[in-house]
Amino acid sequence: MKVYRNLYWISAVASQSVNSVFTSTYDNYKIFVVITGSSADDNTLNMRLRASGTDTTTNYNGQRMYIAGSFVQDINASGTDEWNISLLDKDQPYQTGVEINLYSPNLAQTTAVHTFNVGAAAGASYIMGTAGRQASSTVFDGFTLLALSGTMSGVVSTFGVAK
């Protein structure tokens, strides 16, 4: 098994794109996101895949399960233009950690995703998971993280894993 790692810092931006990170050398990718600040209350963190420096904004499907006192399940919580992967809150810095697993994003086939995260938003701790797919037959080489509103800061670590 071969593994590589890239590290990116996010500093008070509405979105952060990471380009040229998925290659044919690695099969699957694990991405860790730690949000250290958000300028908006009750915010969400969304994700899109990229090809040649451009976000793909169609063909996202998925479900989100969320527990913060009660259980909530959504289908396509952010619509079909992106995946909803986490919550953000300006009053809870350093409380959001997300693990993202992408399967074969660099092949011209459906890309599967599952995420898990824990954090605090709206004054309550939560756990959340997302599972879905990007159904375009596109060779993706990067991704974008987007705050629904305001800005965010944090650290993104991307790991590629090969057989």
Protein backbone atom coordinates (compact mmCIF):
# COMPACT_ATOMS: atom_id res chain seq x y z
CA MET A 1 0.00 0.00 0.00
CA LYS A 2 1.27 3.47 -0.94
CA VAL A 3 0.05 6.66 0.74
CA TYR A 4 0.73 10.33 0.09
CA ARG A 5 -0.37 13.45 1.93
CA ASN A 6 -1.10 17.08 1.00
CA LEU A 7 -1.88 19.80 3.55
CA TYR A 8 -3.86 23.00 2.90
CA TRP A 9 -4.76 25.94 5.12
CA ILE A 10 -8.07 27.75 4.80
CA SER A 11 -8.07 31.34 6.04
CA ALA A 12 -11.32 33.36 6.24
CA VAL A 13 -12.66 32.37 2.81
CA ALA A 14 -16.15 31.51 1.55
CA SER A 15 -14.75 28.60 -0.48
CA GLN A 16 -11.45 26.78 -0.86
CA SER A 17 -10.53 24.83 -3.98
CA VAL A 18 -7.87 22.13 -3.96
CA ASN A 19 -6.65 21.38 -7.51
CA SER A 20 -4.57 18.57 -9.03
CA VAL A 21 -4.73 16.36 -5.94
CA PHE A 22 -6.37 13.22 -7.42
CA THR A 23 -4.12 11.28 -9.80
CA SER A 24 -4.02 7.87 -11.45
CA THR A 25 -1.30 6.83 -8.99
CA TYR A 26 -3.82 6.47 -6.15
CA ASP A 27 -7.15 4.62 -6.09
CA ASN A 28 -9.06 6.18 -3.20
CA TYR A 29 -8.74 9.30 -1.06
CA LYS A 30 -9.31 10.22 2.55
CA ILE A 31 -9.70 13.91 3.38
CA PHE A 32 -9.69 15.33 6.89
CA VAL A 33 -11.11 18.82 7.46
CA VAL A 34 -10.75 20.69 10.76
CA ILE A 35 -12.68 23.96 10.83
CA THR A 36 -11.15 26.43 13.28
CA GLY A 37 -13.51 29.33 12.62
CA SER A 38 -16.72 30.38 10.88
CA SER A 39 -18.10 33.90 10.52
CA ALA A 40 -21.75 32.76 10.41
CA ASP A 41 -24.11 31.06 12.84
CA ASP A 42 -25.85 27.80 11.95
CA ASN A 43 -23.85 27.45 8.75
CA THR A 44 -23.15 24.39 6.58
CA LEU A 45 -20.04 23.08 4.87
CA ASN A 46 -20.57 21.72 1.38
CA MET A 47 -18.31 19.94 -1.11
CA ARG A 48 -18.04 19.79 -4.89
CA LEU A 49 -15.67 17.80 -7.08
CA ARG A 50 -13.50 19.59 -9.68
CA ALA A 51 -12.07 18.77 -13.10
CA SER A 52 -9.35 20.94 -14.67
CA GLY A 53 -9.95 23.79 -12.23
CA THR A 54 -13.75 23.90 -12.62
CA ASP A 55 -16.38 22.78 -10.09
CA THR A 56 -18.92 20.22 -11.26
CA THR A 57 -22.36 21.44 -10.13
CA THR A 58 -24.70 18.64 -11.28
CA ASN A 59 -25.40 14.95 -10.60
CA TYR A 60 -24.76 14.84 -6.83
CA ASN A 61 -26.96 12.40 -4.95
CA GLY A 62 -26.88 11.48 -1.31
CA GLN A 63 -28.37 11.17 2.10
CA ARG A 64 -27.41 12.92 5.30
CA MET A 65 -28.07 11.53 8.77
CA TYR A 66 -27.79 13.95 11.64
CA ILE A 67 -28.18 13.50 15.39
CA ALA A 68 -28.27 16.38 17.89
CA GLY A 69 -30.81 15.34 20.46
CA SER A 70 -33.10 13.87 17.80
CA PHE A 71 -32.50 11.95 14.60
CA VAL A 72 -32.93 13.66 11.22
CA GLN A 73 -32.49 12.08 7.79
CA ASP A 74 -32.41 14.12 4.56
CA ILE A 75 -32.15 13.07 0.95
CA ASN A 76 -30.07 15.49 -1.13
CA ALA A 77 -29.85 17.90 1.79
CA SER A 78 -28.07 20.47 -0.39
CA GLY A 79 -29.80 19.63 -3.65
CA THR A 80 -28.02 18.02 -6.59
CA ASP A 81 -25.27 20.64 -7.03
CA GLU A 82 -23.07 19.58 -4.07
CA TRP A 83 -22.83 17.37 -0.98
CA ASN A 84 -23.63 18.73 2.49
CA ILE A 85 -20.84 17.35 4.67
CA SER A 86 -20.89 19.29 7.95
CA LEU A 87 -22.30 22.07 10.08
CA LEU A 88 -20.38 25.21 11.09
CA ASP A 89 -21.03 27.77 13.82
CA LYS A 90 -19.13 30.95 14.68
CA ASP A 91 -19.73 30.43 18.41
CA GLN A 92 -18.15 26.96 18.35
CA PRO A 93 -14.63 27.34 16.91
CA TYR A 94 -12.43 24.24 16.80
CA GLN A 95 -15.53 22.07 17.17
CA THR A 96 -15.89 20.72 13.63
CA GLY A 97 -13.93 17.75 12.34
CA VAL A 98 -14.87 15.92 9.12
CA GLU A 99 -13.56 12.67 7.62
CA ILE A 100 -14.33 12.33 3.90
CA ASN A 101 -13.79 9.10 1.95
CA LEU A 102 -13.81 9.29 -1.88
CA TYR A 103 -13.68 6.20 -4.05
CA SER A 104 -11.99 6.42 -7.49
CA PRO A 105 -12.61 10.12 -8.16
CA ASN A 106 -9.91 10.02 -10.84
CA LEU A 107 -11.74 7.51 -13.06
CA ALA A 108 -14.42 8.31 -15.66
CA GLN A 109 -17.17 6.64 -13.65
CA THR A 110 -19.48 7.33 -10.73
CA THR A 111 -17.56 8.57 -7.66
CA ALA A 112 -18.84 7.35 -4.30
CA VAL A 113 -18.45 9.28 -1.03
CA HIS A 114 -19.10 8.76 2.62
CA THR A 115 -18.35 11.20 5.40
CA PHE A 116 -18.50 11.25 9.16
CA ASN A 117 -18.17 14.26 11.40
CA VAL A 118 -18.68 15.53 14.89
CA GLY A 119 -19.02 19.08 16.07
CA ALA A 120 -21.11 21.71 17.74
CA ALA A 121 -23.60 24.08 16.17
CA ALA A 122 -26.50 26.11 17.53
CA GLY A 123 -25.23 25.38 21.05
CA ALA A 124 -25.48 21.59 20.77
CA SER A 125 -23.06 18.79 19.97
CA TYR A 126 -23.90 16.63 16.96
CA ILE A 127 -22.78 13.71 14.85
CA MET A 128 -23.48 13.56 11.13
CA GLY A 129 -22.85 11.18 8.27
CA THR A 130 -23.30 11.57 4.53
CA ALA A 131 -23.30 8.89 1.86
CA GLY A 132 -23.75 9.46 -1.82
CA ARG A 133 -22.35 9.58 -5.27
CA GLN A 134 -21.37 11.95 -8.04
CA ALA A 135 -22.95 10.34 -11.11
CA SER A 136 -21.03 12.16 -13.86
CA SER A 137 -18.55 10.13 -15.91
CA THR A 138 -15.84 12.69 -15.20
CA VAL A 139 -12.20 12.30 -14.25
CA PHE A 140 -11.97 14.56 -11.20
CA ASP A 141 -8.65 15.97 -10.05
CA GLY A 142 -9.71 18.16 -7.13
CA PHE A 143 -12.48 19.45 -4.89
CA THR A 144 -13.94 22.62 -3.41
CA LEU A 145 -15.17 23.17 0.15
CA LEU A 146 -17.85 25.87 0.41
CA ALA A 147 -19.41 27.62 3.40
CA LEU A 148 -23.12 28.19 2.77
CA SER A 149 -22.73 31.72 4.13
CA GLY A 150 -19.91 33.84 5.51
CA THR A 151 -16.34 32.61 5.70
CA MET A 152 -14.43 29.72 7.25
CA SER A 153 -10.90 28.93 8.39
CA GLY A 154 -9.23 25.61 9.04
CA VAL A 155 -6.89 22.88 7.84
CA VAL A 156 -7.44 20.26 5.12
CA SER A 157 -5.31 17.10 4.85
CA THR A 158 -5.70 14.91 1.76
CA PHE A 159 -4.36 11.35 1.65
CA GLY A 160 -4.19 9.14 -1.45
CA VAL A 161 -4.16 5.38 -1.01
CA ALA A 162 -2.99 2.91 -3.66
CA LYS A 163 -3.07 -0.89 -3.67
